[in-house]
PDB file of N, CA and C in Angstrom:
ATOM      1  N   MET A   1      -6.196   9.374  14.161  1.00  0.00           N
ATOM      2  CA  MET A   1      -6.726   8.079  14.530  1.00  0.00           C
ATOM      3  C   MET A   1      -7.999   7.788  13.746  1.00  0.00           C
ATOM      4  N   TRP A   2      -8.210   6.531  13.473  1.00  0.00           N
ATOM      5  CA  TRP A   2      -9.384   6.095  12.735  1.00  0.00           C
ATOM      6  C   TRP A   2     -10.154   5.146  13.619  1.00  0.00           C
ATOM      7  N   TYR A   3     -11.445   5.276  13.665  1.00  0.00           N
ATOM      8  CA  TYR A   3     -12.264   4.438  14.513  1.00  0.00           C
ATOM      9  C   TYR A   3     -13.162   3.569  13.666  1.00  0.00           C
ATOM     10  N   LYS A   4     -13.269   2.312  14.057  1.00  0.00           N
ATOM     11  CA  LYS A   4     -14.114   1.359  13.354  1.00  0.00           C
ATOM     12  C   LYS A   4     -15.161   0.864  14.337  1.00  0.00           C
ATOM     13  N   ARG A   5     -16.412   0.993  13.998  1.00  0.00           N
ATOM     14  CA  ARG A   5     -17.488   0.609  14.896  1.00  0.00           C
ATOM     15  C   ARG A   5     -17.923  -0.828  14.598  1.00  0.00           C
ATOM     16  N   ASN A   6     -17.989  -1.609  15.655  1.00  0.00           N
ATOM     17  CA  ASN A   6     -18.509  -2.970  15.558  1.00  0.00           C
ATOM     18  C   ASN A   6     -20.021  -2.863  15.425  1.00  0.00           C
ATOM     19  N   ARG A   7     -20.613  -3.450  14.417  1.00  0.00           N
ATOM     20  CA  ARG A   7     -22.035  -3.278  14.143  1.00  0.00           C
ATOM     21  C   ARG A   7     -22.943  -4.165  15.001  1.00  0.00           C
ATOM     22  N   ASP A   8     -22.404  -5.079  15.754  1.00  0.00           N
ATOM     23  CA  ASP A   8     -23.203  -5.930  16.624  1.00  0.00           C
ATOM     24  C   ASP A   8     -23.734  -5.086  17.782  1.00  0.00           C
ATOM     25  N   LYS A   9     -25.063  -4.945  17.870  1.00  0.00           N
ATOM     26  CA  LYS A   9     -25.662  -4.083  18.883  1.00  0.00           C
ATOM     27  C   LYS A   9     -25.374  -4.553  20.307  1.00  0.00           C
ATOM     28  N   ALA A  10     -25.222  -5.842  20.489  1.00  0.00           N
ATOM     29  CA  ALA A  10     -24.952  -6.368  21.820  1.00  0.00           C
ATOM     30  C   ALA A  10     -23.543  -6.031  22.286  1.00  0.00           C
ATOM     31  N   ASP A  11     -22.643  -5.835  21.350  1.00  0.00           N
ATOM     32  CA  ASP A  11     -21.254  -5.591  21.710  1.00  0.00           C
ATOM     33  C   ASP A  11     -20.707  -4.415  20.911  1.00  0.00           C
ATOM     34  N   THR A  12     -21.314  -3.233  21.044  1.00  0.00           N
ATOM     35  CA  THR A  12     -20.876  -2.063  20.312  1.00  0.00           C
ATOM     36  C   THR A  12     -19.737  -1.401  21.069  1.00  0.00           C
ATOM     37  N   GLN A  13     -18.600  -1.317  20.401  1.00  0.00           N
ATOM     38  CA  GLN A  13     -17.443  -0.666  20.997  1.00  0.00           C
ATOM     39  C   GLN A  13     -16.610  -0.024  19.897  1.00  0.00           C
ATOM     40  N   LEU A  14     -15.759   0.900  20.285  1.00  0.00           N
ATOM     41  CA  LEU A  14     -14.881   1.559  19.327  1.00  0.00           C
ATOM     42  C   LEU A  14     -13.487   0.967  19.441  1.00  0.00           C
ATOM     43  N   LEU A  15     -12.882   0.723  18.293  1.00  0.00           N
ATOM     44  CA  LEU A  15     -11.549   0.166  18.236  1.00  0.00           C
ATOM     45  C   LEU A  15     -10.622   1.224  17.648  1.00  0.00           C
ATOM     46  N   CYS A  16      -9.617   1.608  18.399  1.00  0.00           N
ATOM     47  CA  CYS A  16      -8.673   2.628  17.954  1.00  0.00           C
ATOM     48  C   CYS A  16      -7.524   1.938  17.219  1.00  0.00           C
ATOM     49  N   ILE A  17      -7.205   2.428  16.018  1.00  0.00           N
ATOM     50  CA  ILE A  17      -6.213   1.790  15.170  1.00  0.00           C
ATOM     51  C   ILE A  17      -5.158   2.813  14.757  1.00  0.00           C
ATOM     52  N   LYS A  18      -3.862   2.489  14.939  1.00  0.00           N
ATOM     53  CA  LYS A  18      -2.792   3.347  14.444  1.00  0.00           C
ATOM     54  C   LYS A  18      -2.755   3.194  12.933  1.00  0.00           C
ATOM     55  N   GLN A  19      -2.691   4.323  12.237  1.00  0.00           N
ATOM     56  CA  GLN A  19      -2.818   4.263  10.795  1.00  0.00           C
ATOM     57  C   GLN A  19      -1.902   5.255  10.092  1.00  0.00           C
ATOM     58  N   HIS A  20      -1.725   5.008   8.808  1.00  0.00           N
ATOM     59  CA  HIS A  20      -1.034   5.919   7.903  1.00  0.00           C
ATOM     60  C   HIS A  20      -1.984   6.125   6.733  1.00  0.00           C
ATOM     61  N   GLY A  21      -2.460   7.344   6.547  1.00  0.00           N
ATOM     62  CA  GLY A  21      -3.399   7.622   5.467  1.00  0.00           C
ATOM     63  C   GLY A  21      -2.766   8.475   4.390  1.00  0.00           C
ATOM     64  N   PHE A  22      -3.171   8.197   3.139  1.00  0.00           N
ATOM     65  CA  PHE A  22      -2.647   8.960   2.014  1.00  0.00           C
ATOM     66  C   PHE A  22      -3.529   8.687   0.802  1.00  0.00           C
ATOM     67  N   GLY A  23      -4.051   9.743   0.203  1.00  0.00           N
ATOM     68  CA  GLY A  23      -4.787   9.629  -1.051  1.00  0.00           C
ATOM     69  C   GLY A  23      -6.028   8.758  -1.007  1.00  0.00           C
ATOM     70  N   GLY A  24      -6.725   8.743   0.122  1.00  0.00           N
ATOM     71  CA  GLY A  24      -7.949   7.957   0.221  1.00  0.00           C
ATOM     72  C   GLY A  24      -7.706   6.499   0.569  1.00  0.00           C
ATOM     73  N   LEU A  25      -6.479   6.158   0.922  1.00  0.00           N
ATOM     74  CA  LEU A  25      -6.137   4.801   1.323  1.00  0.00           C
ATOM     75  C   LEU A  25      -5.489   4.872   2.690  1.00  0.00           C
ATOM     76  N   THR A  26      -5.795   3.925   3.549  1.00  0.00           N
ATOM     77  CA  THR A  26      -5.259   3.906   4.901  1.00  0.00           C
ATOM     78  C   THR A  26      -4.580   2.583   5.165  1.00  0.00           C
ATOM     79  N   TYR A  27      -3.400   2.646   5.789  1.00  0.00           N
ATOM     80  CA  TYR A  27      -2.693   1.434   6.206  1.00  0.00           C
ATOM     81  C   TYR A  27      -2.745   1.359   7.722  1.00  0.00           C
ATOM     82  N   SER A  28      -3.322   0.282   8.244  1.00  0.00           N
ATOM     83  CA  SER A  28      -3.401   0.055   9.680  1.00  0.00           C
ATOM     84  C   SER A  28      -2.262  -0.860  10.088  1.00  0.00           C
ATOM     85  N   GLU A  29      -1.322  -0.333  10.859  1.00  0.00           N
ATOM     86  CA  GLU A  29      -0.213  -1.151  11.342  1.00  0.00           C
ATOM     87  C   GLU A  29      -0.714  -2.228  12.297  1.00  0.00           C
ATOM     88  N   ALA A  30      -1.668  -1.888  13.138  1.00  0.00           N
ATOM     89  CA  ALA A  30      -2.178  -2.839  14.122  1.00  0.00           C
ATOM     90  C   ALA A  30      -2.796  -4.065  13.458  1.00  0.00           C
ATOM     91  N   GLU A  31      -3.493  -3.857  12.360  1.00  0.00           N
ATOM     92  CA  GLU A  31      -4.157  -4.960  11.667  1.00  0.00           C
ATOM     93  C   GLU A  31      -3.370  -5.431  10.449  1.00  0.00           C
ATOM     94  N   ASP A  32      -2.329  -4.692  10.076  1.00  0.00           N
ATOM     95  CA  ASP A  32      -1.513  -4.998   8.904  1.00  0.00           C
ATOM     96  C   ASP A  32      -2.390  -5.143   7.663  1.00  0.00           C
ATOM     97  N   ARG A  33      -3.258  -4.137   7.455  1.00  0.00           N
ATOM     98  CA  ARG A  33      -4.192  -4.139   6.325  1.00  0.00           C
ATOM     99  C   ARG A  33      -4.339  -2.739   5.755  1.00  0.00           C
ATOM    100  N   PHE A  34      -4.791  -2.716   4.509  1.00  0.00           N
ATOM    101  CA  PHE A  34      -5.105  -1.459   3.837  1.00  0.00           C
ATOM    102  C   PHE A  34      -6.617  -1.332   3.733  1.00  0.00           C
ATOM    103  N   TYR A  35      -7.096  -0.084   3.915  1.00  0.00           N
ATOM    104  CA  TYR A  35      -8.527   0.197   3.863  1.00  0.00           C
ATOM    105  C   TYR A  35      -8.800   1.357   2.912  1.00  0.00           C
ATOM    106  N   THR A  36      -9.964   1.319   2.276  1.00  0.00           N
ATOM    107  CA  THR A  36     -10.414   2.435   1.450  1.00  0.00           C
ATOM    108  C   THR A  36     -10.936   3.531   2.363  1.00  0.00           C
ATOM    109  N   ALA A  37     -11.283   4.672   1.780  1.00  0.00           N
ATOM    110  CA  ALA A  37     -11.800   5.800   2.567  1.00  0.00           C
ATOM    111  C   ALA A  37     -13.081   5.438   3.304  1.00  0.00           C
ATOM    112  N   ASP A  38     -13.875   4.510   2.752  1.00  0.00           N
ATOM    113  CA  ASP A  38     -15.122   4.123   3.426  1.00  0.00           C
ATOM    114  C   ASP A  38     -14.952   2.896   4.322  1.00  0.00           C
ATOM    115  N   GLY A  39     -13.700   2.500   4.603  1.00  0.00           N
ATOM    116  CA  GLY A  39     -13.442   1.432   5.566  1.00  0.00           C
ATOM    117  C   GLY A  39     -13.428   0.015   5.019  1.00  0.00           C
ATOM    118  N   GLN A  40     -13.521  -0.137   3.703  1.00  0.00           N
ATOM    119  CA  GLN A  40     -13.490  -1.476   3.105  1.00  0.00           C
ATOM    120  C   GLN A  40     -12.046  -1.961   2.992  1.00  0.00           C
ATOM    121  N   THR A  41     -11.824  -3.245   3.238  1.00  0.00           N
ATOM    122  CA  THR A  41     -10.497  -3.833   3.117  1.00  0.00           C
ATOM    123  C   THR A  41     -10.092  -3.926   1.651  1.00  0.00           C
ATOM    124  N   VAL A  42      -8.846  -3.565   1.362  1.00  0.00           N
ATOM    125  CA  VAL A  42      -8.307  -3.694   0.005  1.00  0.00           C
ATOM    126  C   VAL A  42      -7.546  -5.017  -0.042  1.00  0.00           C
ATOM    127  N   ASN A  43      -7.972  -5.903  -0.919  1.00  0.00           N
ATOM    128  CA  ASN A  43      -7.336  -7.208  -1.030  1.00  0.00           C
ATOM    129  C   ASN A  43      -6.122  -7.113  -1.943  1.00  0.00           C
ATOM    130  N   LEU A  44      -4.961  -7.420  -1.382  1.00  0.00           N
ATOM    131  CA  LEU A  44      -3.705  -7.391  -2.108  1.00  0.00           C
ATOM    132  C   LEU A  44      -3.000  -8.732  -1.962  1.00  0.00           C
ATOM    133  N   THR A  45      -2.194  -9.087  -2.955  1.00  0.00           N
ATOM    134  CA  THR A  45      -1.365 -10.276  -2.822  1.00  0.00           C
ATOM    135  C   THR A  45      -0.281  -9.956  -1.784  1.00  0.00           C
ATOM    136  N   PRO A  46       0.387 -10.962  -1.245  1.00  0.00           N
ATOM    137  CA  PRO A  46       1.446 -10.677  -0.265  1.00  0.00           C
ATOM    138  C   PRO A  46       2.538  -9.737  -0.780  1.00  0.00           C
ATOM    139  N   MET A  47       2.959  -9.899  -2.028  1.00  0.00           N
ATOM    140  CA  MET A  47       3.996  -9.015  -2.578  1.00  0.00           C
ATOM    141  C   MET A  47       3.459  -7.602  -2.793  1.00  0.00           C
ATOM    142  N   GLN A  48       2.222  -7.478  -3.282  1.00  0.00           N
ATOM    143  CA  GLN A  48       1.605  -6.160  -3.435  1.00  0.00           C
ATOM    144  C   GLN A  48       1.504  -5.472  -2.077  1.00  0.00           C
ATOM    145  N   HIS A  49       1.114  -6.233  -1.065  1.00  0.00           N
ATOM    146  CA  HIS A  49       0.987  -5.689   0.285  1.00  0.00           C
ATOM    147  C   HIS A  49       2.338  -5.177   0.788  1.00  0.00           C
ATOM    148  N   GLN A  50       3.397  -5.956   0.608  1.00  0.00           N
ATOM    149  CA  GLN A  50       4.722  -5.542   1.059  1.00  0.00           C
ATOM    150  C   GLN A  50       5.161  -4.256   0.368  1.00  0.00           C
ATOM    151  N   LEU A  51       4.928  -4.171  -0.932  1.00  0.00           N
ATOM    152  CA  LEU A  51       5.322  -2.975  -1.671  1.00  0.00           C
ATOM    153  C   LEU A  51       4.519  -1.759  -1.213  1.00  0.00           C
ATOM    154  N   MET A  52       3.222  -1.915  -1.050  1.00  0.00           N
ATOM    155  CA  MET A  52       2.395  -0.788  -0.591  1.00  0.00           C
ATOM    156  C   MET A  52       2.795  -0.354   0.818  1.00  0.00           C
ATOM    157  N   GLU A  53       3.123  -1.303   1.670  1.00  0.00           N
ATOM    158  CA  GLU A  53       3.586  -0.966   3.019  1.00  0.00           C
ATOM    159  C   GLU A  53       4.872  -0.145   2.933  1.00  0.00           C
ATOM    160  N   MET A  54       5.783  -0.543   2.040  1.00  0.00           N
ATOM    161  CA  MET A  54       7.018   0.222   1.857  1.00  0.00           C
ATOM    162  C   MET A  54       6.719   1.650   1.394  1.00  0.00           C
ATOM    163  N   PHE A  55       5.799   1.807   0.436  1.00  0.00           N
ATOM    164  CA  PHE A  55       5.418   3.143  -0.028  1.00  0.00           C
ATOM    165  C   PHE A  55       4.835   3.976   1.111  1.00  0.00           C
ATOM    166  N   PHE A  56       3.950   3.391   1.907  1.00  0.00           N
ATOM    167  CA  PHE A  56       3.279   4.133   2.971  1.00  0.00           C
ATOM    168  C   PHE A  56       4.224   4.505   4.109  1.00  0.00           C
ATOM    169  N   LEU A  57       5.202   3.665   4.390  1.00  0.00           N
ATOM    170  CA  LEU A  57       6.117   3.944   5.482  1.00  0.00           C
ATOM    171  C   LEU A  57       7.275   4.845   5.057  1.00  0.00           C
ATOM    172  N   SER A  58       7.415   5.074   3.752  1.00  0.00           N
ATOM    173  CA  SER A  58       8.406   6.017   3.247  1.00  0.00           C
ATOM    174  C   SER A  58       7.843   7.432   3.359  1.00  0.00           C
ATOM    175  N   SER A  59       8.604   8.340   3.943  1.00  0.00           N
ATOM    176  CA  SER A  59       8.092   9.705   4.142  1.00  0.00           C
ATOM    177  C   SER A  59       7.790  10.410   2.827  1.00  0.00           C
ATOM    178  N   SER A  60       8.513  10.076   1.763  1.00  0.00           N
ATOM    179  CA  SER A  60       8.294  10.717   0.467  1.00  0.00           C
ATOM    180  C   SER A  60       7.354   9.921  -0.434  1.00  0.00           C
ATOM    181  N   HIS A  61       6.940   8.735   0.000  1.00  0.00           N
ATOM    182  CA  HIS A  61       6.117   7.818  -0.798  1.00  0.00           C
ATOM    183  C   HIS A  61       6.803   7.495  -2.122  1.00  0.00           C
ATOM    184  N   SER A  62       8.126   7.492  -2.085  1.00  0.00           N
ATOM    185  CA  SER A  62       8.931   7.214  -3.270  1.00  0.00           C
ATOM    186  C   SER A  62      10.009   6.206  -2.902  1.00  0.00           C
ATOM    187  N   LEU A  63      10.252   5.255  -3.806  1.00  0.00           N
ATOM    188  CA  LEU A  63      11.255   4.218  -3.577  1.00  0.00           C
ATOM    189  C   LEU A  63      12.049   3.985  -4.849  1.00  0.00           C
ATOM    190  N   THR A  64      13.349   3.788  -4.709  1.00  0.00           N
ATOM    191  CA  THR A  64      14.147   3.464  -5.884  1.00  0.00           C
ATOM    192  C   THR A  64      13.905   2.007  -6.254  1.00  0.00           C
ATOM    193  N   LYS A  65      14.198   1.687  -7.498  1.00  0.00           N
ATOM    194  CA  LYS A  65      14.054   0.302  -7.944  1.00  0.00           C
ATOM    195  C   LYS A  65      14.947  -0.612  -7.113  1.00  0.00           C
ATOM    196  N   ASN A  66      16.159  -0.158  -6.796  1.00  0.00           N
ATOM    197  CA  ASN A  66      17.076  -0.971  -5.998  1.00  0.00           C
ATOM    198  C   ASN A  66      16.549  -1.223  -4.599  1.00  0.00           C
ATOM    199  N   GLU A  67      15.953  -0.198  -3.965  1.00  0.00           N
ATOM    200  CA  GLU A  67      15.376  -0.381  -2.630  1.00  0.00           C
ATOM    201  C   GLU A  67      14.290  -1.456  -2.658  1.00  0.00           C
ATOM    202  N   ILE A  68      13.432  -1.379  -3.655  1.00  0.00           N
ATOM    203  CA  ILE A  68      12.330  -2.340  -3.760  1.00  0.00           C
ATOM    204  C   ILE A  68      12.863  -3.744  -4.020  1.00  0.00           C
ATOM    205  N   CYS A  69      13.732  -3.872  -5.014  1.00  0.00           N
ATOM    206  CA  CYS A  69      14.260  -5.200  -5.377  1.00  0.00           C
ATOM    207  C   CYS A  69      15.055  -5.824  -4.241  1.00  0.00           C
ATOM    208  N   ASP A  70      15.855  -5.019  -3.550  1.00  0.00           N
ATOM    209  CA  ASP A  70      16.638  -5.550  -2.427  1.00  0.00           C
ATOM    210  C   ASP A  70      15.754  -6.012  -1.276  1.00  0.00           C
ATOM    211  N   ALA A  71      14.646  -5.313  -1.051  1.00  0.00           N
ATOM    212  CA  ALA A  71      13.745  -5.682   0.041  1.00  0.00           C
ATOM    213  C   ALA A  71      12.874  -6.888  -0.306  1.00  0.00           C
ATOM    214  N   LEU A  72      12.363  -6.928  -1.535  1.00  0.00           N
ATOM    215  CA  LEU A  72      11.419  -7.982  -1.904  1.00  0.00           C
ATOM    216  C   LEU A  72      12.078  -9.239  -2.461  1.00  0.00           C
ATOM    217  N   TRP A  73      13.199  -9.080  -3.152  1.00  0.00           N
ATOM    218  CA  TRP A  73      13.880 -10.228  -3.769  1.00  0.00           C
ATOM    219  C   TRP A  73      15.377 -10.132  -3.493  1.00  0.00           C
ATOM    220  N   PRO A  74      15.793 -10.274  -2.234  1.00  0.00           N
ATOM    221  CA  PRO A  74      17.202 -10.059  -1.881  1.00  0.00           C
ATOM    222  C   PRO A  74      18.179 -11.027  -2.549  1.00  0.00           C
ATOM    223  N   LYS A  75      17.742 -12.209  -2.902  1.00  0.00           N
ATOM    224  CA  LYS A  75      18.655 -13.203  -3.484  1.00  0.00           C
ATOM    225  C   LYS A  75      18.614 -13.239  -5.008  1.00  0.00           C
ATOM    226  N   LYS A  76      17.747 -12.442  -5.598  1.00  0.00           N
ATOM    227  CA  LYS A  76      17.612 -12.439  -7.058  1.00  0.00           C
ATOM    228  C   LYS A  76      18.524 -11.345  -7.629  1.00  0.00           C
ATOM    229  N   PRO A  77      19.509 -11.722  -8.462  1.00  0.00           N
ATOM    230  CA  PRO A  77      20.466 -10.725  -8.955  1.00  0.00           C
ATOM    231  C   PRO A  77      19.843  -9.637  -9.833  1.00  0.00           C
ATOM    232  N   ASP A  78      18.855  -9.980 -10.657  1.00  0.00           N
ATOM    233  CA  ASP A  78      18.200  -8.979 -11.503  1.00  0.00           C
ATOM    234  C   ASP A  78      16.692  -9.189 -11.432  1.00  0.00           C
ATOM    235  N   ALA A  79      16.039  -8.359 -10.629  1.00  0.00           N
ATOM    236  CA  ALA A  79      14.604  -8.499 -10.417  1.00  0.00           C
ATOM    237  C   ALA A  79      13.804  -7.421 -11.150  1.00  0.00           C
ATOM    238  N   ASN A  80      14.405  -6.750 -12.113  1.00  0.00           N
ATOM    239  CA  ASN A  80      13.720  -5.657 -12.815  1.00  0.00           C
ATOM    240  C   ASN A  80      12.428  -6.105 -13.495  1.00  0.00           C
ATOM    241  N   ASP A  81      12.458  -7.241 -14.187  1.00  0.00           N
ATOM    242  CA  ASP A  81      11.247  -7.722 -14.854  1.00  0.00           C
ATOM    243  C   ASP A  81      10.171  -8.118 -13.843  1.00  0.00           C
ATOM    244  N   THR A  82      10.593  -8.725 -12.750  1.00  0.00           N
ATOM    245  CA  THR A  82       9.661  -9.120 -11.695  1.00  0.00           C
ATOM    246  C   THR A  82       9.019  -7.887 -11.070  1.00  0.00           C
ATOM    247  N   LEU A  83       9.812  -6.855 -10.831  1.00  0.00           N
ATOM    248  CA  LEU A  83       9.293  -5.608 -10.281  1.00  0.00           C
ATOM    249  C   LEU A  83       8.322  -4.960 -11.248  1.00  0.00           C
ATOM    250  N   TYR A  84       8.662  -4.920 -12.522  1.00  0.00           N
ATOM    251  CA  TYR A  84       7.780  -4.335 -13.523  1.00  0.00           C
ATOM    252  C   TYR A  84       6.422  -5.036 -13.517  1.00  0.00           C
ATOM    253  N   THR A  85       6.431  -6.364 -13.447  1.00  0.00           N
ATOM    254  CA  THR A  85       5.182  -7.136 -13.425  1.00  0.00           C
ATOM    255  C   THR A  85       4.378  -6.829 -12.166  1.00  0.00           C
ATOM    256  N   LEU A  86       5.054  -6.752 -11.023  1.00  0.00           N
ATOM    257  CA  LEU A  86       4.375  -6.432  -9.765  1.00  0.00           C
ATOM    258  C   LEU A  86       3.711  -5.058  -9.846  1.00  0.00           C
ATOM    259  N   ILE A  87       4.431  -4.073 -10.332  1.00  0.00           N
ATOM    260  CA  ILE A  87       3.893  -2.711 -10.462  1.00  0.00           C
ATOM    261  C   ILE A  87       2.720  -2.690 -11.440  1.00  0.00           C
ATOM    262  N   ARG A  88       2.869  -3.373 -12.572  1.00  0.00           N
ATOM    263  CA  ARG A  88       1.807  -3.400 -13.590  1.00  0.00           C
ATOM    264  C   ARG A  88       0.519  -3.991 -13.032  1.00  0.00           C
ATOM    265  N   ARG A  89       0.625  -5.005 -12.192  1.00  0.00           N
ATOM    266  CA  ARG A  89      -0.566  -5.632 -11.605  1.00  0.00           C
ATOM    267  C   ARG A  89      -1.122  -4.848 -10.418  1.00  0.00           C
ATOM    268  N   LEU A  90      -0.271  -4.109  -9.732  1.00  0.00           N
ATOM    269  CA  LEU A  90      -0.712  -3.341  -8.567  1.00  0.00           C
ATOM    270  C   LEU A  90      -1.411  -2.039  -8.968  1.00  0.00           C
ATOM    271  N   LYS A  91      -0.982  -1.416 -10.050  1.00  0.00           N
ATOM    272  CA  LYS A  91      -1.541  -0.118 -10.457  1.00  0.00           C
ATOM    273  C   LYS A  91      -3.063  -0.103 -10.533  1.00  0.00           C
ATOM    274  N   PRO A  92      -3.708  -1.025 -11.259  1.00  0.00           N
ATOM    275  CA  PRO A  92      -5.172  -0.942 -11.345  1.00  0.00           C
ATOM    276  C   PRO A  92      -5.878  -1.161 -10.006  1.00  0.00           C
ATOM    277  N   VAL A  93      -5.299  -1.961  -9.144  1.00  0.00           N
ATOM    278  CA  VAL A  93      -5.907  -2.201  -7.826  1.00  0.00           C
ATOM    279  C   VAL A  93      -5.897  -0.907  -7.012  1.00  0.00           C
ATOM    280  N   ILE A  94      -4.761  -0.234  -6.998  1.00  0.00           N
ATOM    281  CA  ILE A  94      -4.628   1.009  -6.239  1.00  0.00           C
ATOM    282  C   ILE A  94      -5.509   2.109  -6.825  1.00  0.00           C
ATOM    283  N   GLU A  95      -5.538   2.225  -8.135  1.00  0.00           N
ATOM    284  CA  GLU A  95      -6.349   3.262  -8.772  1.00  0.00           C
ATOM    285  C   GLU A  95      -7.838   3.025  -8.580  1.00  0.00           C
ATOM    286  N   ARG A  96      -8.250   1.765  -8.492  1.00  0.00           N
ATOM    287  CA  ARG A  96      -9.658   1.433  -8.300  1.00  0.00           C
ATOM    288  C   ARG A  96     -10.128   1.762  -6.880  1.00  0.00           C
ATOM    289  N   HIS A  97      -9.243   1.656  -5.897  1.00  0.00           N
ATOM    290  CA  HIS A  97      -9.636   1.801  -4.495  1.00  0.00           C
ATOM    291  C   HIS A  97      -9.222   3.118  -3.840  1.00  0.00           C
ATOM    292  N   SER A  98      -8.562   4.005  -4.579  1.00  0.00           N
ATOM    293  CA  SER A  98      -8.084   5.240  -3.952  1.00  0.00           C
ATOM    294  C   SER A  98      -7.930   6.343  -4.989  1.00  0.00           C
ATOM    295  N   ASN A  99      -7.417   7.474  -4.526  1.00  0.00           N
ATOM    296  CA  ASN A  99      -7.093   8.603  -5.404  1.00  0.00           C
ATOM    297  C   ASN A  99      -5.604   8.604  -5.714  1.00  0.00           C
ATOM    298  N   LEU A 100      -4.982   7.448  -5.690  1.00  0.00           N
ATOM    299  CA  LEU A 100      -3.547   7.330  -5.886  1.00  0.00           C
ATOM    300  C   LEU A 100      -3.212   6.683  -7.224  1.00  0.00           C
ATOM    301  N   ARG A 101      -1.997   6.929  -7.658  1.00  0.00           N
ATOM    302  CA  ARG A 101      -1.451   6.228  -8.820  1.00  0.00           C
ATOM    303  C   ARG A 101       0.044   6.035  -8.570  1.00  0.00           C
ATOM    304  N   ILE A 102       0.590   5.035  -9.217  1.00  0.00           N
ATOM    305  CA  ILE A 102       2.019   4.756  -9.120  1.00  0.00           C
ATOM    306  C   ILE A 102       2.672   5.283 -10.396  1.00  0.00           C
ATOM    307  N   GLU A 103       3.657   6.158 -10.221  1.00  0.00           N
ATOM    308  CA  GLU A 103       4.358   6.744 -11.350  1.00  0.00           C
ATOM    309  C   GLU A 103       5.803   6.280 -11.358  1.00  0.00           C
ATOM    310  N   SER A 104       6.346   6.145 -12.556  1.00  0.00           N
ATOM    311  CA  SER A 104       7.743   5.770 -12.727  1.00  0.00           C
ATOM    312  C   SER A 104       8.577   7.025 -12.937  1.00  0.00           C
ATOM    313  N   ASP A 105       9.758   7.053 -12.348  1.00  0.00           N
ATOM    314  CA  ASP A 105      10.685   8.167 -12.525  1.00  0.00           C
ATOM    315  C   ASP A 105      11.812   7.714 -13.460  1.00  0.00           C
ATOM    316  N   ARG A 106      11.477   7.602 -14.742  1.00  0.00           N
ATOM    317  CA  ARG A 106      12.420   7.235 -15.800  1.00  0.00           C
ATOM    318  C   ARG A 106      13.249   5.994 -15.480  1.00  0.00           C
ATOM    319  N   GLY A 107      12.577   4.975 -14.973  1.00  0.00           N
ATOM    320  CA  GLY A 107      13.239   3.713 -14.728  1.00  0.00           C
ATOM    321  C   GLY A 107      14.138   3.669 -13.507  1.00  0.00           C
ATOM    322  N   LYS A 108      14.186   4.741 -12.720  1.00  0.00           N
ATOM    323  CA  LYS A 108      15.052   4.793 -11.546  1.00  0.00           C
ATOM    324  C   LYS A 108      14.287   4.550 -10.253  1.00  0.00           C
ATOM    325  N   ALA A 109      13.055   5.014 -10.212  1.00  0.00           N
ATOM    326  CA  ALA A 109      12.283   4.949  -8.972  1.00  0.00           C
ATOM    327  C   ALA A 109      10.792   4.895  -9.295  1.00  0.00           C
ATOM    328  N   TYR A 110      10.026   4.574  -8.268  1.00  0.00           N
ATOM    329  CA  TYR A 110       8.569   4.605  -8.360  1.00  0.00           C
ATOM    330  C   TYR A 110       8.062   5.494  -7.242  1.00  0.00           C
ATOM    331  N   ARG A 111       6.987   6.211  -7.547  1.00  0.00           N
ATOM    332  CA  ARG A 111       6.415   7.152  -6.583  1.00  0.00           C
ATOM    333  C   ARG A 111       4.921   6.955  -6.511  1.00  0.00           C
ATOM    334  N   LEU A 112       4.386   6.992  -5.317  1.00  0.00           N
ATOM    335  CA  LEU A 112       2.951   6.936  -5.083  1.00  0.00           C
ATOM    336  C   LEU A 112       2.473   8.377  -5.016  1.00  0.00           C
ATOM    337  N   ARG A 113       1.560   8.754  -5.933  1.00  0.00           N
ATOM    338  CA  ARG A 113       1.107  10.137  -6.008  1.00  0.00           C
ATOM    339  C   ARG A 113      -0.409  10.217  -6.008  1.00  0.00           C
ATOM    340  N   ILE A 114      -0.903  11.350  -5.549  1.00  0.00           N
ATOM    341  CA  ILE A 114      -2.343  11.603  -5.583  1.00  0.00           C
ATOM    342  C   ILE A 114      -2.710  12.044  -6.997  1.00  0.00           C
ATOM    343  N   LYS A 115      -3.810  11.485  -7.535  1.00  0.00           N
ATOM    344  CA  LYS A 115      -4.261  11.812  -8.903  1.00  0.00           C
ATOM    345  C   LYS A 115      -4.645  13.262  -9.018  1.00  0.00           C
TER     346      LYS A 115
END
């Protein structure tokens, strides 16, 4: 469990949040947000957020390209270029805010790994 303290002295209380932590990044299901190790919110686009949520909720932190494309773009017959662009833009955000990196498994899958 992760606790966040409200800094207002008049109303100081602890808020308990269900979370998934990995590599210095935390996903709070209750707030549907990602946080850095020091509690700062990580700003992601809606698609980046969906992909990171999929990585965090996967027990292996690994997803095939088909799993990602089917979940994010179910009506698009070939979303490979769109996925590549999403991953390319997400990588620097994740690396800047955590000890994680996104690795490609020879064009078949993507994996979230600790640096």
